[in-house]
């Protein structure tokens, strides 16, 4: 089923964010746990699940098993009322890749689209979904401690490190948000000096 999909100021309307996971290699994982935490590469990894938006703000971050999926499986999602192609929806949705379940709250791309409408949908979904991957890249480039394998033993320490990095990352995003605003918006309306005045 192809739902309507439209852009508003570069942001997908009623999208809650882009959802994806990042594997953080755990070099000093206790041997007894190594099989439990084996990642795609065969070595132990801790998985960070995150939801990010277009400006790379990380709204949701969780290690290991997330409560997000248990809520979504129960039909619980943040409320967002909107109408697309005459059909009403009461829950927002996440953009994700093909590894996630096919639920109404998780919108995936269309594999091998044939019509122009489906090709356009796939292109927009894939481009917007890259937000979370960009957020992971920026997070790892800002904080060298999470760019390489973790050398700590305790999961609690790994959790604290990642949480701290995400909080500082979001603080930087919030602080820099106004730097991209047009100059006209930065000038107070009651200022005696205005752009264009001589």
N, C-alpha and C. Protein backbone atom coordinates (compact mmCIF):
# COMPACT_ATOMS: atom_id res chain seq x y z
N UNK A 1 0.84 -1.18 0.00
CA UNK A 1 0.00 0.00 0.00
C UNK A 1 0.89 1.24 0.00
N UNK A 2 0.63 2.13 -0.89
CA UNK A 2 1.39 3.36 -0.99
C UNK A 2 0.59 4.50 -0.39
N UNK A 3 1.09 5.02 0.71
CA UNK A 3 0.43 6.16 1.33
C UNK A 3 0.93 7.44 0.70
N UNK A 4 0.12 8.47 0.82
CA UNK A 4 0.56 9.78 0.35
C UNK A 4 1.78 10.22 1.13
N UNK A 5 2.63 10.97 0.49
CA UNK A 5 3.90 11.35 1.10
C UNK A 5 4.21 12.74 0.58
N UNK A 6 4.32 13.70 1.44
CA UNK A 6 4.58 15.03 0.94
C UNK A 6 5.55 15.77 1.84
N UNK A 7 6.17 16.79 1.27
CA UNK A 7 7.20 17.54 1.97
C UNK A 7 6.66 18.90 2.38
N UNK A 8 7.05 19.34 3.57
CA UNK A 8 6.70 20.67 4.04
C UNK A 8 7.99 21.31 4.51
N UNK A 9 8.45 22.33 3.82
CA UNK A 9 9.70 23.02 4.15
C UNK A 9 10.86 22.04 4.32
N UNK A 10 10.94 21.05 3.45
CA UNK A 10 12.05 20.11 3.51
C UNK A 10 11.88 19.01 4.54
N UNK A 11 10.78 18.98 5.25
CA UNK A 11 10.55 17.98 6.28
C UNK A 11 9.32 17.17 5.90
N UNK A 12 9.38 15.88 6.09
CA UNK A 12 8.23 15.05 5.78
C UNK A 12 7.14 15.33 6.80
N UNK A 13 5.94 15.63 6.33
CA UNK A 13 4.84 15.98 7.22
C UNK A 13 4.44 14.82 8.11
N UNK A 14 4.27 15.08 9.40
CA UNK A 14 3.83 14.14 10.42
C UNK A 14 4.82 13.00 10.67
N UNK A 15 6.01 13.13 10.16
CA UNK A 15 7.03 12.14 10.43
C UNK A 15 7.60 12.40 11.82
N UNK A 16 7.71 11.36 12.63
CA UNK A 16 8.26 11.51 13.97
C UNK A 16 9.78 11.53 13.95
N UNK A 17 10.37 10.97 12.92
CA UNK A 17 11.82 10.95 12.79
C UNK A 17 12.27 9.74 11.99
N UNK A 18 13.57 9.69 11.74
CA UNK A 18 14.16 8.55 11.04
C UNK A 18 14.73 7.60 12.08
N UNK A 19 14.47 6.33 11.90
CA UNK A 19 14.82 5.30 12.87
C UNK A 19 15.89 4.39 12.31
N UNK A 20 16.95 4.16 13.09
CA UNK A 20 17.99 3.23 12.67
C UNK A 20 18.82 2.82 13.88
N UNK A 21 19.74 1.90 13.65
CA UNK A 21 20.61 1.40 14.71
C UNK A 21 22.07 1.60 14.33
N UNK A 22 22.90 1.79 15.34
CA UNK A 22 24.34 1.90 15.16
C UNK A 22 25.00 0.84 16.04
N UNK A 23 25.94 0.09 15.47
CA UNK A 23 26.67 -0.91 16.23
C UNK A 23 27.96 -0.28 16.76
N UNK A 24 28.18 -0.37 18.06
CA UNK A 24 29.40 0.13 18.69
C UNK A 24 30.18 -1.09 19.16
N UNK A 25 31.33 -1.33 18.55
CA UNK A 25 32.12 -2.52 18.86
C UNK A 25 32.55 -2.48 20.33
N UNK A 26 32.37 -3.61 21.01
CA UNK A 26 32.68 -3.74 22.44
C UNK A 26 33.90 -4.63 22.58
N UNK A 27 35.08 -4.01 22.55
CA UNK A 27 36.34 -4.75 22.57
C UNK A 27 36.51 -5.57 23.84
N UNK A 28 36.14 -5.04 24.97
CA UNK A 28 36.35 -5.72 26.25
C UNK A 28 35.07 -6.35 26.80
N UNK A 29 34.24 -6.85 25.92
CA UNK A 29 33.02 -7.54 26.35
C UNK A 29 33.42 -8.80 27.12
N UNK A 30 32.83 -9.03 28.29
CA UNK A 30 33.14 -10.27 29.01
C UNK A 30 32.89 -11.49 28.13
N UNK A 31 33.79 -12.46 28.20
CA UNK A 31 33.72 -13.64 27.34
C UNK A 31 32.39 -14.37 27.46
N UNK A 32 31.83 -14.44 28.65
CA UNK A 32 30.56 -15.13 28.86
C UNK A 32 29.41 -14.47 28.10
N UNK A 33 29.54 -13.19 27.79
CA UNK A 33 28.49 -12.45 27.10
C UNK A 33 28.75 -12.31 25.60
N UNK A 34 29.93 -12.71 25.13
CA UNK A 34 30.34 -12.43 23.75
C UNK A 34 29.34 -12.95 22.72
N UNK A 35 28.82 -14.15 22.89
CA UNK A 35 27.85 -14.69 21.94
C UNK A 35 26.54 -13.92 21.95
N UNK A 36 26.14 -13.47 23.12
CA UNK A 36 24.90 -12.71 23.28
C UNK A 36 24.96 -11.37 22.56
N UNK A 37 26.16 -10.80 22.48
CA UNK A 37 26.33 -9.48 21.87
C UNK A 37 27.02 -9.53 20.51
N UNK A 38 27.10 -10.72 19.91
CA UNK A 38 27.76 -10.85 18.60
C UNK A 38 27.01 -10.03 17.56
N UNK A 39 27.73 -9.18 16.88
CA UNK A 39 27.13 -8.33 15.85
C UNK A 39 27.28 -8.95 14.48
N UNK A 40 27.02 -8.14 13.46
CA UNK A 40 27.12 -8.61 12.08
C UNK A 40 28.52 -9.10 11.74
N UNK A 41 29.52 -8.45 12.30
CA UNK A 41 30.91 -8.81 12.00
C UNK A 41 31.38 -10.02 12.80
N UNK A 42 30.57 -10.50 13.72
CA UNK A 42 30.95 -11.64 14.54
C UNK A 42 31.56 -11.23 15.87
N UNK A 43 32.03 -10.00 15.97
CA UNK A 43 32.58 -9.53 17.24
C UNK A 43 31.48 -8.85 18.05
N UNK A 44 31.63 -8.79 19.38
CA UNK A 44 30.58 -8.21 20.22
C UNK A 44 30.36 -6.72 19.94
N UNK A 45 29.11 -6.33 19.86
CA UNK A 45 28.74 -4.93 19.69
C UNK A 45 27.57 -4.60 20.61
N UNK A 46 27.50 -3.34 20.99
CA UNK A 46 26.33 -2.81 21.68
C UNK A 46 25.56 -2.03 20.63
N UNK A 47 24.25 -2.22 20.58
CA UNK A 47 23.44 -1.57 19.56
C UNK A 47 22.74 -0.35 20.15
N UNK A 48 22.93 0.78 19.49
CA UNK A 48 22.23 2.01 19.84
C UNK A 48 21.11 2.20 18.83
N UNK A 49 19.88 2.21 19.31
CA UNK A 49 18.74 2.53 18.45
C UNK A 49 18.43 4.00 18.66
N UNK A 50 18.26 4.73 17.57
CA UNK A 50 18.02 6.17 17.69
C UNK A 50 17.00 6.65 16.67
N UNK A 51 16.32 7.73 17.04
CA UNK A 51 15.42 8.44 16.14
C UNK A 51 15.96 9.86 16.05
N UNK A 52 16.22 10.31 14.82
CA UNK A 52 16.74 11.66 14.60
C UNK A 52 15.87 12.36 13.56
N UNK A 53 15.91 13.69 13.59
CA UNK A 53 15.15 14.45 12.60
C UNK A 53 16.09 15.13 11.62
N UNK A 54 15.54 15.98 10.76
CA UNK A 54 16.31 16.59 9.67
C UNK A 54 17.47 17.45 10.14
N UNK A 55 17.38 18.05 11.33
CA UNK A 55 18.49 18.88 11.79
C UNK A 55 19.42 18.11 12.72
N UNK A 56 19.32 16.77 12.70
CA UNK A 56 20.20 15.83 13.41
C UNK A 56 19.97 15.78 14.91
N UNK A 57 18.88 16.37 15.38
CA UNK A 57 18.51 16.27 16.79
C UNK A 57 18.11 14.82 17.07
N UNK A 58 18.69 14.23 18.11
CA UNK A 58 18.38 12.84 18.46
C UNK A 58 17.28 12.86 19.51
N UNK A 59 16.08 12.39 19.12
CA UNK A 59 14.90 12.43 19.98
C UNK A 59 14.80 11.21 20.88
N UNK A 60 15.28 10.10 20.40
CA UNK A 60 15.14 8.85 21.13
C UNK A 60 16.44 8.09 20.96
N UNK A 61 16.98 7.56 22.05
CA UNK A 61 18.19 6.74 21.97
C UNK A 61 18.09 5.66 23.04
N UNK A 62 18.40 4.43 22.64
CA UNK A 62 18.27 3.33 23.58
C UNK A 62 19.27 2.24 23.24
N UNK A 63 19.92 1.70 24.26
CA UNK A 63 20.80 0.55 24.09
C UNK A 63 20.01 -0.73 24.28
N UNK A 64 20.40 -1.74 23.57
CA UNK A 64 19.84 -3.10 23.66
C UNK A 64 18.37 -3.13 23.26
N UNK A 65 17.48 -3.70 24.07
CA UNK A 65 16.08 -3.84 23.67
C UNK A 65 15.31 -2.57 23.99
N UNK A 66 14.73 -2.01 22.96
CA UNK A 66 14.03 -0.73 23.09
C UNK A 66 12.57 -0.93 23.44
N UNK A 67 12.04 -0.01 24.22
CA UNK A 67 10.62 0.01 24.54
C UNK A 67 9.80 0.55 23.37
N UNK A 68 10.47 1.19 22.42
CA UNK A 68 9.77 1.76 21.28
C UNK A 68 8.98 0.70 20.53
N UNK A 69 9.59 -0.46 20.30
CA UNK A 69 8.91 -1.50 19.54
C UNK A 69 7.78 -2.15 20.30
N UNK A 70 7.92 -2.31 21.60
CA UNK A 70 6.80 -2.89 22.35
C UNK A 70 5.61 -1.93 22.33
N UNK A 71 5.86 -0.64 22.38
CA UNK A 71 4.78 0.34 22.27
C UNK A 71 4.15 0.32 20.88
N UNK A 72 4.99 0.30 19.84
CA UNK A 72 4.47 0.30 18.47
C UNK A 72 3.69 -0.97 18.18
N UNK A 73 4.16 -2.11 18.70
CA UNK A 73 3.45 -3.38 18.48
C UNK A 73 2.07 -3.35 19.13
N UNK A 74 1.94 -2.59 20.20
CA UNK A 74 0.65 -2.45 20.88
C UNK A 74 -0.21 -1.35 20.26
N UNK A 75 0.30 -0.72 19.20
CA UNK A 75 -0.45 0.36 18.54
C UNK A 75 -0.34 1.68 19.27
N UNK A 76 0.69 1.84 20.10
CA UNK A 76 0.89 3.08 20.85
C UNK A 76 2.01 3.87 20.18
N UNK A 77 1.69 5.06 19.73
CA UNK A 77 2.68 5.96 19.14
C UNK A 77 2.27 7.38 19.51
N UNK A 78 3.21 8.32 19.45
CA UNK A 78 2.84 9.71 19.75
C UNK A 78 1.70 10.16 18.84
N UNK A 79 0.72 10.87 19.40
CA UNK A 79 -0.43 11.29 18.59
C UNK A 79 -0.03 12.34 17.55
N UNK A 80 -0.60 12.20 16.38
CA UNK A 80 -0.39 13.17 15.31
C UNK A 80 -1.55 13.00 14.34
N UNK A 81 -2.49 13.92 14.37
CA UNK A 81 -3.67 13.81 13.51
C UNK A 81 -3.39 14.50 12.17
N UNK A 82 -3.61 13.78 11.08
CA UNK A 82 -3.43 14.34 9.75
C UNK A 82 -4.25 13.54 8.75
N UNK A 83 -4.45 14.13 7.57
CA UNK A 83 -5.24 13.50 6.51
C UNK A 83 -4.38 13.45 5.25
N UNK A 84 -4.29 12.26 4.66
CA UNK A 84 -3.57 12.08 3.40
C UNK A 84 -4.49 11.35 2.44
N UNK A 85 -4.69 11.93 1.29
CA UNK A 85 -5.54 11.36 0.24
C UNK A 85 -6.91 10.96 0.79
N UNK A 86 -7.47 11.81 1.64
CA UNK A 86 -8.81 11.60 2.18
C UNK A 86 -8.90 10.64 3.34
N UNK A 87 -7.81 10.02 3.74
CA UNK A 87 -7.83 9.07 4.86
C UNK A 87 -7.21 9.73 6.08
N UNK A 88 -7.89 9.58 7.23
CA UNK A 88 -7.40 10.18 8.48
C UNK A 88 -6.46 9.22 9.20
N UNK A 89 -5.40 9.80 9.77
CA UNK A 89 -4.45 9.04 10.57
C UNK A 89 -4.31 9.73 11.91
N UNK A 90 -4.15 8.94 12.97
CA UNK A 90 -4.03 9.50 14.32
C UNK A 90 -2.66 9.28 14.94
N UNK A 91 -1.79 8.56 14.27
CA UNK A 91 -0.46 8.31 14.80
C UNK A 91 0.59 8.77 13.79
N UNK A 92 1.67 9.32 14.30
CA UNK A 92 2.78 9.67 13.43
C UNK A 92 3.51 8.41 13.01
N UNK A 93 4.54 8.59 12.20
CA UNK A 93 5.28 7.43 11.72
C UNK A 93 6.77 7.72 11.69
N UNK A 94 7.54 6.65 11.66
CA UNK A 94 8.99 6.72 11.56
C UNK A 94 9.40 6.25 10.18
N UNK A 95 10.48 6.81 9.65
CA UNK A 95 11.06 6.31 8.41
C UNK A 95 12.16 5.32 8.78
N UNK A 96 12.18 4.17 8.13
CA UNK A 96 13.16 3.14 8.47
C UNK A 96 13.55 2.37 7.22
N UNK A 97 14.59 1.55 7.36
CA UNK A 97 14.98 0.70 6.25
C UNK A 97 14.28 -0.65 6.35
N UNK A 98 14.67 -1.59 5.51
CA UNK A 98 13.96 -2.85 5.39
C UNK A 98 14.11 -3.83 6.53
N UNK A 99 14.97 -3.56 7.52
CA UNK A 99 15.15 -4.53 8.61
C UNK A 99 14.05 -4.44 9.66
N UNK A 100 13.25 -3.40 9.60
CA UNK A 100 12.20 -3.21 10.60
C UNK A 100 10.91 -3.87 10.15
N UNK A 101 10.02 -4.19 11.10
CA UNK A 101 8.76 -4.84 10.73
C UNK A 101 7.87 -3.92 9.88
N UNK A 102 7.01 -4.50 9.12
CA UNK A 102 6.10 -3.75 8.24
C UNK A 102 4.85 -3.37 9.02
N UNK A 103 4.97 -2.29 9.79
CA UNK A 103 3.86 -1.77 10.58
C UNK A 103 3.44 -0.43 10.00
N UNK A 104 2.23 -0.01 10.32
CA UNK A 104 1.74 1.27 9.80
C UNK A 104 2.51 2.46 10.38
N UNK A 105 3.18 2.27 11.51
CA UNK A 105 3.93 3.36 12.14
C UNK A 105 5.39 3.39 11.67
N UNK A 106 5.78 2.44 10.82
CA UNK A 106 7.14 2.41 10.28
C UNK A 106 7.03 2.39 8.75
N UNK A 107 7.44 3.48 8.12
CA UNK A 107 7.33 3.60 6.66
C UNK A 107 8.69 3.25 6.05
N UNK A 108 8.66 2.24 5.18
CA UNK A 108 9.87 1.79 4.50
C UNK A 108 9.81 2.20 3.04
N UNK A 109 10.96 2.11 2.38
CA UNK A 109 11.00 2.43 0.96
C UNK A 109 10.33 1.32 0.15
N UNK A 110 10.11 1.59 -1.10
CA UNK A 110 9.53 0.59 -2.01
C UNK A 110 10.67 -0.03 -2.79
N UNK A 111 10.82 -1.33 -2.65
CA UNK A 111 11.87 -2.02 -3.41
C UNK A 111 11.45 -2.12 -4.87
N UNK A 112 12.35 -1.79 -5.75
CA UNK A 112 12.12 -1.88 -7.18
C UNK A 112 10.83 -1.16 -7.62
N UNK A 113 10.76 0.16 -7.40
CA UNK A 113 9.55 0.89 -7.80
C UNK A 113 9.44 0.98 -9.32
N UNK A 114 8.22 0.87 -9.84
CA UNK A 114 8.03 0.90 -11.30
C UNK A 114 7.38 2.20 -11.77
N UNK A 115 6.35 2.66 -11.10
CA UNK A 115 5.68 3.89 -11.55
C UNK A 115 6.46 5.12 -11.10
N UNK A 116 6.20 6.23 -11.76
CA UNK A 116 6.87 7.49 -11.40
C UNK A 116 6.52 7.89 -9.97
N UNK A 117 5.27 7.69 -9.56
CA UNK A 117 4.84 8.04 -8.21
C UNK A 117 5.61 7.21 -7.18
N UNK A 118 5.76 5.93 -7.43
CA UNK A 118 6.48 5.06 -6.50
C UNK A 118 7.98 5.37 -6.49
N UNK A 119 8.52 5.73 -7.65
CA UNK A 119 9.94 6.11 -7.70
C UNK A 119 10.17 7.39 -6.91
N UNK A 120 9.25 8.35 -7.05
CA UNK A 120 9.36 9.61 -6.30
C UNK A 120 9.26 9.35 -4.80
N UNK A 121 8.29 8.51 -4.41
CA UNK A 121 8.13 8.15 -3.00
C UNK A 121 9.41 7.52 -2.46
N UNK A 122 9.96 6.55 -3.18
CA UNK A 122 11.17 5.85 -2.74
C UNK A 122 12.34 6.83 -2.61
N UNK A 123 12.48 7.73 -3.58
CA UNK A 123 13.57 8.71 -3.53
C UNK A 123 13.44 9.61 -2.30
N UNK A 124 12.24 10.13 -2.05
CA UNK A 124 12.04 11.02 -0.90
C UNK A 124 12.21 10.27 0.42
N UNK A 125 11.67 9.06 0.52
CA UNK A 125 11.79 8.29 1.76
C UNK A 125 13.26 8.01 2.05
N UNK A 126 14.01 7.57 1.04
CA UNK A 126 15.41 7.23 1.24
C UNK A 126 16.25 8.45 1.58
N UNK A 127 15.95 9.59 0.96
CA UNK A 127 16.73 10.80 1.26
C UNK A 127 16.43 11.31 2.67
N UNK A 128 15.17 11.24 3.09
CA UNK A 128 14.83 11.70 4.44
C UNK A 128 15.32 10.73 5.51
N UNK A 129 15.35 9.45 5.19
CA UNK A 129 15.78 8.45 6.16
C UNK A 129 17.27 8.56 6.47
N UNK A 130 18.01 9.21 5.61
CA UNK A 130 19.45 9.37 5.83
C UNK A 130 19.74 10.29 7.02
N UNK A 131 18.75 11.01 7.52
CA UNK A 131 18.97 11.92 8.65
C UNK A 131 19.59 11.21 9.84
N UNK A 132 19.09 10.05 10.19
CA UNK A 132 19.60 9.34 11.36
C UNK A 132 21.01 8.83 11.10
N UNK A 133 21.30 8.40 9.88
CA UNK A 133 22.65 7.96 9.56
C UNK A 133 23.63 9.13 9.61
N UNK A 134 23.18 10.30 9.14
CA UNK A 134 24.01 11.51 9.26
C UNK A 134 24.24 11.85 10.72
N UNK A 135 23.21 11.71 11.55
CA UNK A 135 23.35 11.99 12.98
C UNK A 135 24.38 11.07 13.61
N UNK A 136 24.36 9.78 13.24
CA UNK A 136 25.37 8.84 13.76
C UNK A 136 26.77 9.26 13.32
N UNK A 137 26.91 9.67 12.06
CA UNK A 137 28.21 10.09 11.56
C UNK A 137 28.73 11.33 12.28
N UNK A 138 27.85 12.31 12.49
CA UNK A 138 28.25 13.53 13.20
C UNK A 138 28.60 13.20 14.65
N UNK A 139 27.82 12.34 15.28
CA UNK A 139 28.08 11.94 16.67
C UNK A 139 29.46 11.30 16.78
N UNK A 140 29.78 10.39 15.86
CA UNK A 140 31.07 9.72 15.91
C UNK A 140 32.22 10.65 15.54
N UNK A 141 31.99 11.62 14.68
CA UNK A 141 33.06 12.55 14.33
C UNK A 141 33.31 13.56 15.45
N UNK A 142 32.28 13.87 16.22
CA UNK A 142 32.44 14.81 17.33
C UNK A 142 33.12 14.17 18.53
N UNK A 143 32.85 12.91 18.77
CA UNK A 143 33.31 12.25 19.99
C UNK A 143 34.11 11.01 19.63
N UNK A 144 35.44 11.12 19.71
CA UNK A 144 36.33 10.02 19.34
C UNK A 144 36.10 8.78 20.20
N UNK A 145 35.61 8.97 21.42
CA UNK A 145 35.43 7.85 22.32
C UNK A 145 34.41 6.84 21.78
N UNK A 146 33.46 7.29 20.95
CA UNK A 146 32.48 6.35 20.39
C UNK A 146 32.76 6.03 18.93
N UNK A 147 33.81 6.62 18.36
CA UNK A 147 34.15 6.34 16.96
C UNK A 147 34.84 5.00 16.82
N UNK A 148 35.60 4.61 17.82
CA UNK A 148 36.32 3.34 17.78
C UNK A 148 35.72 2.34 18.74
N UNK A 149 36.35 1.18 18.85
CA UNK A 149 35.83 0.15 19.77
C UNK A 149 35.88 0.62 21.23
N UNK A 150 34.87 0.23 21.98
CA UNK A 150 34.83 0.58 23.40
C UNK A 150 35.79 -0.31 24.17
N UNK A 151 36.53 0.28 25.09
CA UNK A 151 37.50 -0.48 25.87
C UNK A 151 37.07 -0.63 27.33
N UNK A 152 35.82 -0.38 27.60
CA UNK A 152 35.32 -0.50 28.97
C UNK A 152 34.65 -1.86 29.16
N UNK A 153 34.58 -2.30 30.41
CA UNK A 153 34.04 -3.61 30.73
C UNK A 153 32.54 -3.58 31.02
N UNK A 154 32.10 -2.57 31.73
CA UNK A 154 30.73 -2.56 32.24
C UNK A 154 29.77 -1.87 31.27
N UNK A 155 28.60 -2.49 31.07
CA UNK A 155 27.58 -1.91 30.19
C UNK A 155 27.11 -0.56 30.69
N UNK A 156 27.06 -0.40 32.01
CA UNK A 156 26.59 0.87 32.57
C UNK A 156 27.50 2.02 32.16
N UNK A 157 28.81 1.75 32.10
CA UNK A 157 29.77 2.79 31.69
C UNK A 157 29.54 3.14 30.21
N UNK A 158 29.33 2.12 29.38
CA UNK A 158 29.06 2.36 27.96
C UNK A 158 27.80 3.19 27.79
N UNK A 159 26.77 2.85 28.55
CA UNK A 159 25.51 3.59 28.50
C UNK A 159 25.72 5.05 28.89
N UNK A 160 26.46 5.28 29.97
CA UNK A 160 26.72 6.65 30.43
C UNK A 160 27.51 7.45 29.40
N UNK A 161 28.50 6.81 28.77
CA UNK A 161 29.30 7.50 27.75
C UNK A 161 28.42 7.91 26.58
N UNK A 162 27.63 6.96 26.06
CA UNK A 162 26.79 7.25 24.90
C UNK A 162 25.73 8.30 25.23
N UNK A 163 25.12 8.18 26.41
CA UNK A 163 24.10 9.15 26.81
C UNK A 163 24.70 10.55 26.92
N UNK A 164 25.88 10.65 27.50
CA UNK A 164 26.56 11.94 27.63
C UNK A 164 26.86 12.53 26.25
N UNK A 165 27.38 11.71 25.35
CA UNK A 165 27.68 12.19 23.99
C UNK A 165 26.43 12.68 23.28
N UNK A 166 25.31 11.97 23.44
CA UNK A 166 24.06 12.37 22.79
C UNK A 166 23.54 13.68 23.38
N UNK A 167 23.62 13.82 24.70
CA UNK A 167 23.16 15.06 25.33
C UNK A 167 23.99 16.25 24.85
N UNK A 168 25.31 16.09 24.83
CA UNK A 168 26.17 17.19 24.37
C UNK A 168 25.92 17.47 22.89
N UNK A 169 25.76 16.41 22.09
CA UNK A 169 25.44 16.57 20.66
C UNK A 169 24.17 17.41 20.50
N UNK A 170 23.11 17.07 21.24
CA UNK A 170 21.86 17.83 21.14
C UNK A 170 22.02 19.26 21.62
N UNK A 171 22.86 19.48 22.62
CA UNK A 171 23.12 20.85 23.08
C UNK A 171 23.81 21.66 21.98
N UNK A 172 24.74 21.03 21.27
CA UNK A 172 25.43 21.71 20.16
C UNK A 172 24.44 22.03 19.04
N UNK A 173 23.58 21.05 18.71
CA UNK A 173 22.57 21.26 17.66
C UNK A 173 21.67 22.43 18.04
N UNK A 174 21.22 22.46 19.30
CA UNK A 174 20.33 23.53 19.76
C UNK A 174 21.05 24.88 19.72
N UNK A 175 22.32 24.90 20.12
CA UNK A 175 23.08 26.14 20.15
C UNK A 175 23.32 26.67 18.74
N UNK A 176 23.56 25.77 17.79
CA UNK A 176 23.88 26.19 16.42
C UNK A 176 22.64 26.37 15.55
N UNK A 177 21.48 26.06 16.07
CA UNK A 177 20.25 26.13 15.27
C UNK A 177 20.02 27.53 14.71
N UNK A 178 20.30 28.57 15.49
CA UNK A 178 20.06 29.94 15.05
C UNK A 178 21.15 30.48 14.14
N UNK A 179 22.27 29.77 14.02
CA UNK A 179 23.36 30.25 13.17
C UNK A 179 22.99 30.25 11.70
N UNK A 180 22.06 29.40 11.31
CA UNK A 180 21.65 29.31 9.91
C UNK A 180 20.46 30.20 9.58
N UNK A 181 19.97 30.94 10.56
CA UNK A 181 18.82 31.83 10.33
C UNK A 181 19.25 33.00 9.44
N UNK A 182 18.36 33.47 8.57
CA UNK A 182 18.70 34.64 7.75
C UNK A 182 19.01 35.85 8.63
N UNK A 183 19.86 36.72 8.13
CA UNK A 183 20.29 37.89 8.90
C UNK A 183 19.10 38.76 9.27
N UNK A 184 18.12 38.88 8.37
CA UNK A 184 16.96 39.72 8.65
C UNK A 184 16.24 39.26 9.91
N UNK A 185 16.18 37.95 10.14
CA UNK A 185 15.50 37.43 11.32
C UNK A 185 16.27 37.73 12.60
N UNK A 186 17.58 37.91 12.47
CA UNK A 186 18.40 38.14 13.65
C UNK A 186 18.34 39.58 14.13
N UNK A 187 17.91 40.50 13.27
CA UNK A 187 17.84 41.91 13.63
C UNK A 187 16.52 42.18 14.34
N UNK A 188 16.59 42.82 15.49
CA UNK A 188 15.36 43.13 16.23
C UNK A 188 14.55 44.17 15.46
N UNK A 189 13.25 44.05 15.52
CA UNK A 189 12.39 44.98 14.79
C UNK A 189 12.46 46.38 15.38
N UNK A 190 12.80 46.52 16.66
CA UNK A 190 12.85 47.84 17.26
C UNK A 190 14.27 48.41 17.29
N UNK A 191 15.19 47.74 16.60
CA UNK A 191 16.56 48.21 16.56
C UNK A 191 16.64 49.50 15.76
N UNK A 192 17.51 50.43 16.19
CA UNK A 192 17.63 51.67 15.43
C UNK A 192 18.48 51.46 14.18
N UNK A 193 19.23 50.35 14.11
CA UNK A 193 20.01 50.02 12.92
C UNK A 193 19.33 48.87 12.21
N UNK A 194 18.96 49.09 10.97
CA UNK A 194 18.28 48.05 10.20
C UNK A 194 19.05 47.78 8.93
N UNK A 195 18.87 46.57 8.44
CA UNK A 195 19.51 46.21 7.19
C UNK A 195 18.91 47.08 6.09
N UNK A 196 19.77 47.63 5.27
CA UNK A 196 19.29 48.49 4.18
C UNK A 196 19.32 49.96 4.57
N UNK A 197 19.34 50.29 5.87
CA UNK A 197 19.41 51.69 6.30
C UNK A 197 20.85 52.17 6.18
N UNK A 198 21.01 53.42 5.86
CA UNK A 198 22.35 54.00 5.80
C UNK A 198 22.48 55.11 6.77
